[in-house]
Amino acid sequence: MIPLDPPGEASARMEPRTLVSDEERGNALQRLQQAFADGRLELGEMEERLERVLTARTLGDLLPAVADLPEEEAVELASTGGHIRRTGAWRVPRRLRVRSEFGKVRLDLSRALIRHPVIAIELRLTYGSATVVLPPGATVNADRVRTVWGSVTCKADGPAQPGRPYVEISGELEYGSLRVRTARK
C-alpha cells in the first residue's frame, strides 16, 4: 500500500493498543470481501475472520485478521503538460493520486462506479487547476489541501454520512486551484 498520511500519523495509529476506528474496521471488511471474491479465502475462513474483525476492539485484535491479505494500492494518474480527465462510468479506486505539472484535472464522480465508502484523493499540482464533481449526497473534506499561490473552493464539505460516498482530498497546489462541487441536476 502507498500511505497517504503525513509521516508519523500512520505509525501513531498502528499502535496495537489503539482502539479500532469505523474506517479501519470498514477497510478490513472490504479487504476480506475482496479476498473472498478473488478466491483467496474459503467460506469457513472468511466467516472466522469476519467475526474477528467485527469484534475487534484494538488494532492488535484487528490486524491479524487481514495481515496476510494484499492491500489495494493507490492508482496514480500523471501528466506533465496535458489534461487529466475522468468522466462517465469510470471505476473510482479507494486511493487516487493525481500529479500534473501544467495541465488541468477534472475528476467527475457523478456517474462513476464507486465501491468504497471513503475515497482518498491526493493532488500534486504545480500549475493548472483541478475540479472534482461529486455525486448528489456525497460529502468531502478538503482541509488537508495546501496551497502556495492557489485557492481552494469547496461547496460540498461536511461529515461522512452512512451509505453515502465521502471523499478526502489532500495534497499540494503550488500555483493551481481546486474547485469541489456537487453535480448539477
N, C-alpha and C. Protein backbone atom coordinates (compact mmCIF):
# COMPACT_ATOMS: atom_id res chain seq x y z
N MET A 1 0.85 -1.19 0.00
CA MET A 1 0.00 0.00 0.00
C MET A 1 0.88 1.23 0.00
N ILE A 2 0.44 2.26 -0.64
CA ILE A 2 1.14 3.53 -0.64
C ILE A 2 0.47 4.41 0.39
N PRO A 3 1.15 4.77 1.50
CA PRO A 3 0.49 5.57 2.53
C PRO A 3 0.22 6.98 2.04
N LEU A 4 -0.95 7.50 2.41
CA LEU A 4 -1.30 8.87 2.05
C LEU A 4 -1.28 9.78 3.27
N ASP A 5 -0.90 9.25 4.42
CA ASP A 5 -0.87 10.03 5.64
C ASP A 5 0.48 10.71 5.80
N PRO A 6 0.51 11.86 6.47
CA PRO A 6 1.79 12.50 6.75
C PRO A 6 2.65 11.60 7.63
N PRO A 7 3.98 11.68 7.52
CA PRO A 7 4.86 10.84 8.33
C PRO A 7 4.52 10.96 9.81
N GLY A 8 4.52 9.83 10.47
CA GLY A 8 4.24 9.82 11.90
C GLY A 8 2.78 9.61 12.21
N GLU A 9 1.88 10.09 11.36
CA GLU A 9 0.45 9.97 11.62
C GLU A 9 0.00 8.52 11.50
N ALA A 10 0.44 7.83 10.43
CA ALA A 10 0.06 6.44 10.24
C ALA A 10 0.69 5.57 11.31
N SER A 11 1.96 5.82 11.64
CA SER A 11 2.61 4.99 12.64
C SER A 11 1.99 5.16 14.01
N ALA A 12 1.46 6.35 14.31
CA ALA A 12 0.79 6.55 15.59
C ALA A 12 -0.47 5.72 15.67
N ARG A 13 -1.15 5.53 14.55
CA ARG A 13 -2.38 4.73 14.54
C ARG A 13 -2.08 3.24 14.56
N MET A 14 -0.87 2.82 14.22
CA MET A 14 -0.54 1.41 14.14
C MET A 14 -0.19 0.81 15.50
N GLU A 15 -0.25 1.56 16.56
CA GLU A 15 -0.01 1.06 17.90
C GLU A 15 -1.05 -0.03 18.19
N PRO A 16 -0.63 -1.27 18.55
CA PRO A 16 -1.58 -2.37 18.73
C PRO A 16 -2.68 -2.11 19.76
N ARG A 17 -2.44 -1.24 20.73
CA ARG A 17 -3.46 -0.98 21.75
C ARG A 17 -4.42 0.13 21.37
N THR A 18 -4.22 0.75 20.20
CA THR A 18 -5.11 1.80 19.73
C THR A 18 -6.48 1.21 19.41
N LEU A 19 -7.53 1.88 19.84
CA LEU A 19 -8.88 1.40 19.55
C LEU A 19 -9.14 1.48 18.04
N VAL A 20 -9.91 0.54 17.53
CA VAL A 20 -10.22 0.46 16.11
C VAL A 20 -11.25 1.52 15.75
N SER A 21 -11.00 2.26 14.68
CA SER A 21 -11.96 3.25 14.19
C SER A 21 -12.94 2.57 13.23
N ASP A 22 -14.05 3.24 12.96
CA ASP A 22 -15.03 2.71 11.99
C ASP A 22 -14.39 2.57 10.61
N GLU A 23 -13.56 3.53 10.23
CA GLU A 23 -12.90 3.48 8.93
C GLU A 23 -11.95 2.29 8.83
N GLU A 24 -11.16 2.04 9.88
CA GLU A 24 -10.23 0.91 9.87
C GLU A 24 -10.99 -0.42 9.81
N ARG A 25 -12.09 -0.51 10.56
CA ARG A 25 -12.90 -1.73 10.53
C ARG A 25 -13.51 -1.92 9.13
N GLY A 26 -14.02 -0.82 8.55
CA GLY A 26 -14.59 -0.89 7.21
C GLY A 26 -13.57 -1.30 6.16
N ASN A 27 -12.35 -0.76 6.26
CA ASN A 27 -11.29 -1.14 5.32
C ASN A 27 -10.94 -2.62 5.45
N ALA A 28 -10.89 -3.11 6.68
CA ALA A 28 -10.59 -4.53 6.91
C ALA A 28 -11.70 -5.41 6.32
N LEU A 29 -12.94 -5.01 6.50
CA LEU A 29 -14.06 -5.77 5.94
C LEU A 29 -14.00 -5.80 4.41
N GLN A 30 -13.66 -4.66 3.81
CA GLN A 30 -13.54 -4.62 2.35
C GLN A 30 -12.41 -5.51 1.85
N ARG A 31 -11.31 -5.53 2.57
CA ARG A 31 -10.19 -6.40 2.18
C ARG A 31 -10.59 -7.86 2.27
N LEU A 32 -11.34 -8.23 3.32
CA LEU A 32 -11.82 -9.60 3.45
C LEU A 32 -12.77 -9.96 2.31
N GLN A 33 -13.70 -9.07 2.02
CA GLN A 33 -14.65 -9.34 0.93
C GLN A 33 -13.93 -9.50 -0.40
N GLN A 34 -12.95 -8.66 -0.67
CA GLN A 34 -12.21 -8.76 -1.92
C GLN A 34 -11.42 -10.05 -1.98
N ALA A 35 -10.79 -10.43 -0.87
CA ALA A 35 -10.02 -11.68 -0.84
C ALA A 35 -10.92 -12.88 -1.06
N PHE A 36 -12.12 -12.86 -0.50
CA PHE A 36 -13.08 -13.95 -0.71
C PHE A 36 -13.52 -13.99 -2.17
N ALA A 37 -13.83 -12.82 -2.73
CA ALA A 37 -14.25 -12.74 -4.14
C ALA A 37 -13.13 -13.20 -5.08
N ASP A 38 -11.87 -12.97 -4.71
CA ASP A 38 -10.73 -13.38 -5.52
C ASP A 38 -10.38 -14.86 -5.34
N GLY A 39 -11.07 -15.53 -4.42
CA GLY A 39 -10.80 -16.95 -4.17
C GLY A 39 -9.63 -17.20 -3.24
N ARG A 40 -9.20 -16.20 -2.52
CA ARG A 40 -8.07 -16.36 -1.59
C ARG A 40 -8.50 -16.97 -0.25
N LEU A 41 -9.79 -16.87 0.07
CA LEU A 41 -10.32 -17.39 1.33
C LEU A 41 -11.48 -18.33 1.05
N GLU A 42 -11.55 -19.43 1.83
CA GLU A 42 -12.71 -20.32 1.76
C GLU A 42 -13.77 -19.78 2.70
N LEU A 43 -15.00 -20.26 2.56
CA LEU A 43 -16.12 -19.73 3.33
C LEU A 43 -15.89 -19.81 4.83
N GLY A 44 -15.43 -20.94 5.34
CA GLY A 44 -15.20 -21.09 6.78
C GLY A 44 -14.19 -20.09 7.31
N GLU A 45 -13.08 -19.94 6.57
CA GLU A 45 -12.04 -18.98 6.99
C GLU A 45 -12.56 -17.55 6.91
N MET A 46 -13.34 -17.27 5.89
CA MET A 46 -13.93 -15.93 5.75
C MET A 46 -14.82 -15.62 6.96
N GLU A 47 -15.65 -16.57 7.35
CA GLU A 47 -16.54 -16.35 8.50
C GLU A 47 -15.76 -16.12 9.78
N GLU A 48 -14.69 -16.89 9.99
CA GLU A 48 -13.84 -16.70 11.19
C GLU A 48 -13.24 -15.30 11.21
N ARG A 49 -12.69 -14.89 10.09
CA ARG A 49 -12.04 -13.58 10.01
C ARG A 49 -13.06 -12.45 10.15
N LEU A 50 -14.23 -12.62 9.56
CA LEU A 50 -15.27 -11.60 9.71
C LEU A 50 -15.63 -11.40 11.18
N GLU A 51 -15.79 -12.51 11.90
CA GLU A 51 -16.11 -12.41 13.32
C GLU A 51 -14.99 -11.69 14.08
N ARG A 52 -13.75 -12.02 13.74
CA ARG A 52 -12.60 -11.38 14.40
C ARG A 52 -12.59 -9.87 14.14
N VAL A 53 -12.86 -9.47 12.89
CA VAL A 53 -12.86 -8.05 12.54
C VAL A 53 -14.02 -7.33 13.22
N LEU A 54 -15.19 -7.93 13.21
CA LEU A 54 -16.38 -7.29 13.78
C LEU A 54 -16.32 -7.17 15.30
N THR A 55 -15.58 -8.04 15.96
CA THR A 55 -15.50 -7.98 17.42
C THR A 55 -14.20 -7.35 17.93
N ALA A 56 -13.29 -6.98 17.03
CA ALA A 56 -12.00 -6.39 17.43
C ALA A 56 -12.23 -5.05 18.12
N ARG A 57 -11.54 -4.86 19.25
CA ARG A 57 -11.60 -3.58 19.95
C ARG A 57 -10.36 -2.74 19.66
N THR A 58 -9.22 -3.41 19.46
CA THR A 58 -7.96 -2.70 19.23
C THR A 58 -7.35 -3.14 17.91
N LEU A 59 -6.37 -2.37 17.43
CA LEU A 59 -5.68 -2.76 16.20
C LEU A 59 -4.94 -4.08 16.37
N GLY A 60 -4.46 -4.35 17.58
CA GLY A 60 -3.82 -5.63 17.85
C GLY A 60 -4.77 -6.80 17.66
N ASP A 61 -6.06 -6.59 17.89
CA ASP A 61 -7.07 -7.62 17.65
C ASP A 61 -7.43 -7.71 16.17
N LEU A 62 -7.46 -6.56 15.49
CA LEU A 62 -7.93 -6.48 14.11
C LEU A 62 -6.90 -6.92 13.08
N LEU A 63 -5.68 -6.45 13.22
CA LEU A 63 -4.66 -6.64 12.18
C LEU A 63 -4.37 -8.10 11.84
N PRO A 64 -4.33 -9.04 12.79
CA PRO A 64 -4.06 -10.43 12.41
C PRO A 64 -5.09 -11.01 11.44
N ALA A 65 -6.31 -10.48 11.45
CA ALA A 65 -7.36 -11.00 10.56
C ALA A 65 -7.11 -10.65 9.10
N VAL A 66 -6.30 -9.62 8.83
CA VAL A 66 -6.07 -9.18 7.45
C VAL A 66 -4.59 -9.06 7.09
N ALA A 67 -3.70 -9.40 8.02
CA ALA A 67 -2.27 -9.17 7.81
C ALA A 67 -1.71 -9.87 6.58
N ASP A 68 -2.23 -11.04 6.23
CA ASP A 68 -1.70 -11.79 5.09
C ASP A 68 -2.43 -11.51 3.78
N LEU A 69 -3.35 -10.55 3.78
CA LEU A 69 -4.11 -10.23 2.58
C LEU A 69 -3.49 -9.03 1.87
N PRO A 70 -3.54 -9.01 0.54
CA PRO A 70 -2.99 -7.86 -0.19
C PRO A 70 -3.83 -6.62 0.03
N GLU A 71 -3.16 -5.49 0.09
CA GLU A 71 -3.86 -4.21 0.23
C GLU A 71 -3.97 -3.56 -1.15
N GLU A 72 -5.02 -2.81 -1.34
CA GLU A 72 -5.21 -2.10 -2.60
C GLU A 72 -4.26 -0.90 -2.61
N GLU A 73 -3.44 -0.84 -3.65
CA GLU A 73 -2.51 0.27 -3.77
C GLU A 73 -3.20 1.46 -4.41
N ALA A 74 -2.60 2.60 -4.25
CA ALA A 74 -3.14 3.81 -4.86
C ALA A 74 -2.97 3.74 -6.37
N VAL A 75 -3.95 4.22 -7.08
CA VAL A 75 -3.86 4.37 -8.53
C VAL A 75 -3.31 5.76 -8.79
N GLU A 76 -2.33 5.85 -9.68
CA GLU A 76 -1.72 7.15 -9.96
C GLU A 76 -2.02 7.59 -11.38
N LEU A 77 -2.47 8.84 -11.51
CA LEU A 77 -2.68 9.48 -12.80
C LEU A 77 -1.69 10.63 -12.87
N ALA A 78 -0.92 10.69 -13.96
CA ALA A 78 0.11 11.73 -14.04
C ALA A 78 0.17 12.32 -15.44
N SER A 79 0.51 13.62 -15.49
CA SER A 79 0.67 14.33 -16.75
C SER A 79 1.64 15.48 -16.55
N THR A 80 2.47 15.70 -17.56
CA THR A 80 3.38 16.83 -17.50
C THR A 80 2.74 18.07 -18.10
N GLY A 81 2.18 17.96 -19.31
CA GLY A 81 1.61 19.13 -19.96
C GLY A 81 0.18 18.96 -20.42
N GLY A 82 -0.32 17.75 -20.39
CA GLY A 82 -1.68 17.50 -20.87
C GLY A 82 -2.71 17.56 -19.76
N HIS A 83 -3.93 17.28 -20.14
CA HIS A 83 -5.03 17.28 -19.18
C HIS A 83 -5.29 15.87 -18.68
N ILE A 84 -5.77 15.78 -17.45
CA ILE A 84 -6.22 14.52 -16.88
C ILE A 84 -7.73 14.66 -16.70
N ARG A 85 -8.47 13.72 -17.30
CA ARG A 85 -9.93 13.83 -17.26
C ARG A 85 -10.53 12.45 -17.07
N ARG A 86 -11.38 12.30 -16.05
CA ARG A 86 -12.13 11.07 -15.82
C ARG A 86 -13.59 11.47 -15.68
N THR A 87 -14.43 10.96 -16.59
CA THR A 87 -15.86 11.25 -16.57
C THR A 87 -16.62 9.98 -16.91
N GLY A 88 -17.93 10.02 -16.76
CA GLY A 88 -18.76 8.87 -17.11
C GLY A 88 -18.69 7.77 -16.07
N ALA A 89 -18.83 6.53 -16.51
CA ALA A 89 -18.90 5.38 -15.61
C ALA A 89 -17.52 4.78 -15.36
N TRP A 90 -16.58 5.55 -14.89
CA TRP A 90 -15.25 5.05 -14.58
C TRP A 90 -15.21 4.50 -13.17
N ARG A 91 -14.38 3.51 -12.92
CA ARG A 91 -14.26 2.86 -11.61
C ARG A 91 -13.31 3.69 -10.73
N VAL A 92 -13.83 4.18 -9.62
CA VAL A 92 -13.06 5.02 -8.71
C VAL A 92 -12.34 4.13 -7.70
N PRO A 93 -11.01 4.18 -7.64
CA PRO A 93 -10.28 3.40 -6.65
C PRO A 93 -10.43 4.02 -5.26
N ARG A 94 -10.11 3.25 -4.25
CA ARG A 94 -10.17 3.77 -2.88
C ARG A 94 -9.16 4.89 -2.68
N ARG A 95 -8.00 4.77 -3.29
CA ARG A 95 -6.94 5.78 -3.17
C ARG A 95 -6.50 6.20 -4.58
N LEU A 96 -6.51 7.49 -4.81
CA LEU A 96 -6.17 8.02 -6.12
C LEU A 96 -5.16 9.15 -5.96
N ARG A 97 -4.03 9.02 -6.64
CA ARG A 97 -3.01 10.07 -6.64
C ARG A 97 -3.02 10.73 -8.01
N VAL A 98 -3.07 12.05 -8.02
CA VAL A 98 -3.09 12.79 -9.28
C VAL A 98 -1.94 13.79 -9.26
N ARG A 99 -1.06 13.70 -10.29
CA ARG A 99 0.08 14.60 -10.40
C ARG A 99 0.03 15.28 -11.77
N SER A 100 0.12 16.60 -11.75
CA SER A 100 0.11 17.34 -13.01
C SER A 100 1.01 18.56 -12.88
N GLU A 101 1.86 18.75 -13.88
CA GLU A 101 2.76 19.90 -13.89
C GLU A 101 2.07 21.16 -14.40
N PHE A 102 1.45 21.07 -15.59
CA PHE A 102 0.88 22.26 -16.22
C PHE A 102 -0.58 22.11 -16.64
N GLY A 103 -1.10 20.93 -16.68
CA GLY A 103 -2.43 20.71 -17.23
C GLY A 103 -3.55 20.84 -16.23
N LYS A 104 -4.77 20.71 -16.76
CA LYS A 104 -5.96 20.75 -15.93
C LYS A 104 -6.36 19.33 -15.54
N VAL A 105 -7.02 19.22 -14.39
CA VAL A 105 -7.50 17.93 -13.90
C VAL A 105 -9.00 18.05 -13.68
N ARG A 106 -9.75 17.08 -14.20
CA ARG A 106 -11.19 17.03 -13.95
C ARG A 106 -11.55 15.60 -13.58
N LEU A 107 -12.02 15.43 -12.34
CA LEU A 107 -12.47 14.13 -11.84
C LEU A 107 -13.96 14.25 -11.57
N ASP A 108 -14.76 13.67 -12.45
CA ASP A 108 -16.21 13.73 -12.32
C ASP A 108 -16.69 12.40 -11.75
N LEU A 109 -17.09 12.42 -10.48
CA LEU A 109 -17.55 11.21 -9.79
C LEU A 109 -19.06 11.04 -9.88
N SER A 110 -19.75 11.95 -10.54
CA SER A 110 -21.21 11.98 -10.50
C SER A 110 -21.86 10.73 -11.11
N ARG A 111 -21.23 10.10 -12.09
CA ARG A 111 -21.76 8.88 -12.68
C ARG A 111 -20.77 7.73 -12.57
N ALA A 112 -19.75 7.91 -11.77
CA ALA A 112 -18.69 6.91 -11.64
C ALA A 112 -19.16 5.71 -10.82
N LEU A 113 -18.44 4.61 -10.95
CA LEU A 113 -18.70 3.41 -10.18
C LEU A 113 -17.89 3.51 -8.89
N ILE A 114 -18.57 3.76 -7.79
CA ILE A 114 -17.91 3.98 -6.50
C ILE A 114 -18.22 2.80 -5.60
N ARG A 115 -17.20 1.98 -5.30
CA ARG A 115 -17.38 0.79 -4.46
C ARG A 115 -17.02 1.05 -3.01
N HIS A 116 -16.29 2.10 -2.74
CA HIS A 116 -15.75 2.33 -1.40
C HIS A 116 -16.48 3.47 -0.71
N PRO A 117 -16.79 3.34 0.58
CA PRO A 117 -17.48 4.42 1.28
C PRO A 117 -16.61 5.66 1.47
N VAL A 118 -15.29 5.46 1.56
CA VAL A 118 -14.36 6.58 1.72
C VAL A 118 -13.35 6.52 0.58
N ILE A 119 -13.18 7.64 -0.10
CA ILE A 119 -12.24 7.74 -1.22
C ILE A 119 -11.20 8.79 -0.85
N ALA A 120 -9.94 8.44 -0.99
CA ALA A 120 -8.85 9.38 -0.70
C ALA A 120 -8.23 9.84 -2.02
N ILE A 121 -8.24 11.14 -2.26
CA ILE A 121 -7.63 11.72 -3.46
C ILE A 121 -6.49 12.63 -3.03
N GLU A 122 -5.30 12.35 -3.54
CA GLU A 122 -4.14 13.19 -3.26
C GLU A 122 -3.77 13.94 -4.53
N LEU A 123 -3.75 15.26 -4.46
CA LEU A 123 -3.43 16.10 -5.61
C LEU A 123 -2.04 16.71 -5.45
N ARG A 124 -1.26 16.70 -6.50
CA ARG A 124 0.03 17.39 -6.58
C ARG A 124 0.01 18.17 -7.88
N LEU A 125 -0.32 19.46 -7.80
CA LEU A 125 -0.40 20.31 -8.99
C LEU A 125 0.62 21.44 -8.88
N THR A 126 1.41 21.62 -9.91
CA THR A 126 2.35 22.73 -9.91
C THR A 126 1.65 23.98 -10.45
N TYR A 127 1.23 23.94 -11.71
CA TYR A 127 0.43 24.99 -12.33
C TYR A 127 -0.84 24.30 -12.81
N GLY A 128 -1.88 25.03 -13.03
CA GLY A 128 -3.11 24.41 -13.51
C GLY A 128 -4.15 24.32 -12.40
N SER A 129 -5.26 23.69 -12.73
CA SER A 129 -6.35 23.64 -11.77
C SER A 129 -6.96 22.24 -11.76
N ALA A 130 -7.72 21.98 -10.71
CA ALA A 130 -8.43 20.71 -10.58
C ALA A 130 -9.87 20.99 -10.22
N THR A 131 -10.77 20.20 -10.81
CA THR A 131 -12.18 20.25 -10.47
C THR A 131 -12.60 18.84 -10.10
N VAL A 132 -13.27 18.70 -8.96
CA VAL A 132 -13.80 17.42 -8.53
C VAL A 132 -15.31 17.60 -8.42
N VAL A 133 -16.06 16.78 -9.17
CA VAL A 133 -17.51 16.84 -9.16
C VAL A 133 -18.02 15.61 -8.42
N LEU A 134 -18.78 15.84 -7.36
CA LEU A 134 -19.29 14.76 -6.52
C LEU A 134 -20.69 14.34 -6.93
N PRO A 135 -21.06 13.08 -6.67
CA PRO A 135 -22.45 12.68 -6.90
C PRO A 135 -23.35 13.33 -5.85
N PRO A 136 -24.64 13.47 -6.15
CA PRO A 136 -25.56 14.05 -5.16
C PRO A 136 -25.51 13.25 -3.85
N GLY A 137 -25.49 13.96 -2.74
CA GLY A 137 -25.47 13.33 -1.42
C GLY A 137 -24.09 13.04 -0.88
N ALA A 138 -23.07 13.12 -1.72
CA ALA A 138 -21.70 12.86 -1.25
C ALA A 138 -21.18 14.07 -0.49
N THR A 139 -20.24 13.83 0.41
CA THR A 139 -19.60 14.92 1.14
C THR A 139 -18.09 14.80 0.97
N VAL A 140 -17.40 15.88 1.34
CA VAL A 140 -15.96 15.94 1.12
C VAL A 140 -15.29 16.69 2.26
N ASN A 141 -14.02 16.37 2.46
CA ASN A 141 -13.17 17.13 3.37
C ASN A 141 -11.92 17.48 2.58
N ALA A 142 -11.71 18.76 2.36
CA ALA A 142 -10.53 19.23 1.61
C ALA A 142 -9.60 20.03 2.51
N ASP A 143 -9.69 19.82 3.82
CA ASP A 143 -8.88 20.59 4.77
C ASP A 143 -7.39 20.27 4.69
N ARG A 144 -7.02 19.14 4.10
CA ARG A 144 -5.61 18.77 4.03
C ARG A 144 -4.97 19.17 2.70
N VAL A 145 -5.62 20.07 1.96
CA VAL A 145 -5.03 20.60 0.73
C VAL A 145 -4.27 21.88 1.08
N ARG A 146 -3.00 21.91 0.73
CA ARG A 146 -2.17 23.09 0.99
C ARG A 146 -1.95 23.84 -0.31
N THR A 147 -2.01 25.16 -0.25
CA THR A 147 -1.76 25.96 -1.44
C THR A 147 -0.64 26.96 -1.16
N VAL A 148 0.10 27.30 -2.20
CA VAL A 148 1.13 28.32 -2.10
C VAL A 148 0.54 29.63 -2.63
N TRP A 149 0.18 29.65 -3.93
CA TRP A 149 -0.42 30.83 -4.55
C TRP A 149 -1.80 30.51 -5.12
N GLY A 150 -2.31 29.34 -4.85
CA GLY A 150 -3.58 28.92 -5.42
C GLY A 150 -4.74 29.15 -4.48
N SER A 151 -5.85 28.52 -4.79
CA SER A 151 -7.05 28.65 -3.96
C SER A 151 -7.81 27.34 -3.93
N VAL A 152 -8.64 27.18 -2.90
CA VAL A 152 -9.49 26.01 -2.76
C VAL A 152 -10.91 26.51 -2.55
N THR A 153 -11.83 26.08 -3.41
CA THR A 153 -13.25 26.40 -3.27
C THR A 153 -13.98 25.08 -3.13
N CYS A 154 -14.64 24.90 -2.00
CA CYS A 154 -15.31 23.63 -1.72
C CYS A 154 -16.76 23.91 -1.36
N LYS A 155 -17.68 23.42 -2.19
CA LYS A 155 -19.10 23.69 -1.98
C LYS A 155 -19.86 22.45 -1.54
N ALA A 156 -19.16 21.43 -1.07
CA ALA A 156 -19.84 20.19 -0.66
C ALA A 156 -19.23 19.59 0.60
N ASP A 157 -18.55 20.41 1.40
CA ASP A 157 -17.89 19.83 2.56
C ASP A 157 -18.91 19.49 3.65
N GLY A 158 -18.56 18.50 4.43
CA GLY A 158 -19.42 18.06 5.50
C GLY A 158 -18.94 16.71 6.02
N PRO A 159 -19.51 16.27 7.12
CA PRO A 159 -19.08 14.99 7.70
C PRO A 159 -19.56 13.81 6.86
N ALA A 160 -18.93 12.68 7.07
CA ALA A 160 -19.33 11.45 6.39
C ALA A 160 -20.75 11.08 6.80
N GLN A 161 -21.54 10.61 5.85
CA GLN A 161 -22.92 10.19 6.08
C GLN A 161 -23.02 8.70 5.77
N PRO A 162 -23.65 7.91 6.64
CA PRO A 162 -23.79 6.47 6.36
C PRO A 162 -24.47 6.23 5.01
N GLY A 163 -23.89 5.33 4.23
CA GLY A 163 -24.46 4.96 2.95
C GLY A 163 -24.19 5.92 1.81
N ARG A 164 -23.42 6.98 2.06
CA ARG A 164 -23.11 7.96 1.01
C ARG A 164 -21.60 8.10 0.86
N PRO A 165 -21.14 8.35 -0.36
CA PRO A 165 -19.69 8.49 -0.55
C PRO A 165 -19.13 9.69 0.22
N TYR A 166 -17.93 9.49 0.74
CA TYR A 166 -17.21 10.53 1.45
C TYR A 166 -15.82 10.62 0.83
N VAL A 167 -15.43 11.80 0.39
CA VAL A 167 -14.15 11.99 -0.31
C VAL A 167 -13.22 12.83 0.56
N GLU A 168 -12.01 12.32 0.76
CA GLU A 168 -10.99 13.06 1.50
C GLU A 168 -9.94 13.51 0.49
N ILE A 169 -9.80 14.83 0.33
CA ILE A 169 -8.84 15.37 -0.63
C ILE A 169 -7.68 15.98 0.14
N SER A 170 -6.47 15.61 -0.26
CA SER A 170 -5.27 16.16 0.36
C SER A 170 -4.28 16.51 -0.75
N GLY A 171 -3.16 17.10 -0.38
CA GLY A 171 -2.13 17.38 -1.36
C GLY A 171 -1.67 18.81 -1.36
N GLU A 172 -0.98 19.17 -2.45
CA GLU A 172 -0.38 20.49 -2.54
C GLU A 172 -0.59 21.09 -3.93
N LEU A 173 -1.03 22.34 -3.93
CA LEU A 173 -1.23 23.09 -5.17
C LEU A 173 -0.31 24.30 -5.10
N GLU A 174 0.75 24.30 -5.89
CA GLU A 174 1.68 25.42 -5.80
C GLU A 174 1.07 26.69 -6.37
N TYR A 175 0.72 26.66 -7.66
CA TYR A 175 0.13 27.84 -8.31
C TYR A 175 -1.24 27.50 -8.88
N GLY A 176 -1.78 26.38 -8.51
CA GLY A 176 -3.05 25.94 -9.06
C GLY A 176 -4.21 26.20 -8.12
N SER A 177 -5.38 25.77 -8.57
CA SER A 177 -6.57 25.94 -7.75
C SER A 177 -7.38 24.66 -7.76
N LEU A 178 -8.20 24.50 -6.74
CA LEU A 178 -9.07 23.34 -6.61
C LEU A 178 -10.49 23.84 -6.43
N ARG A 179 -11.40 23.24 -7.17
CA ARG A 179 -12.82 23.55 -7.04
C ARG A 179 -13.55 22.22 -6.84
N VAL A 180 -14.32 22.11 -5.75
CA VAL A 180 -15.08 20.90 -5.46
C VAL A 180 -16.55 21.30 -5.38
N ARG A 181 -17.39 20.56 -6.11
CA ARG A 181 -18.82 20.84 -6.10
C ARG A 181 -19.61 19.56 -6.32
N THR A 182 -20.89 19.62 -6.04
CA THR A 182 -21.80 18.53 -6.30
C THR A 182 -22.30 18.65 -7.73
N ALA A 183 -22.64 17.53 -8.34
CA ALA A 183 -23.12 17.52 -9.73
C ALA A 183 -24.41 18.33 -9.86
N ARG A 184 -24.52 19.01 -10.98
CA ARG A 184 -25.74 19.75 -11.27
C ARG A 184 -26.79 18.77 -11.76
N LYS A 185 -28.03 19.07 -11.48
CA LYS A 185 -29.13 18.17 -11.89
C LYS A 185 -29.52 18.34 -13.32
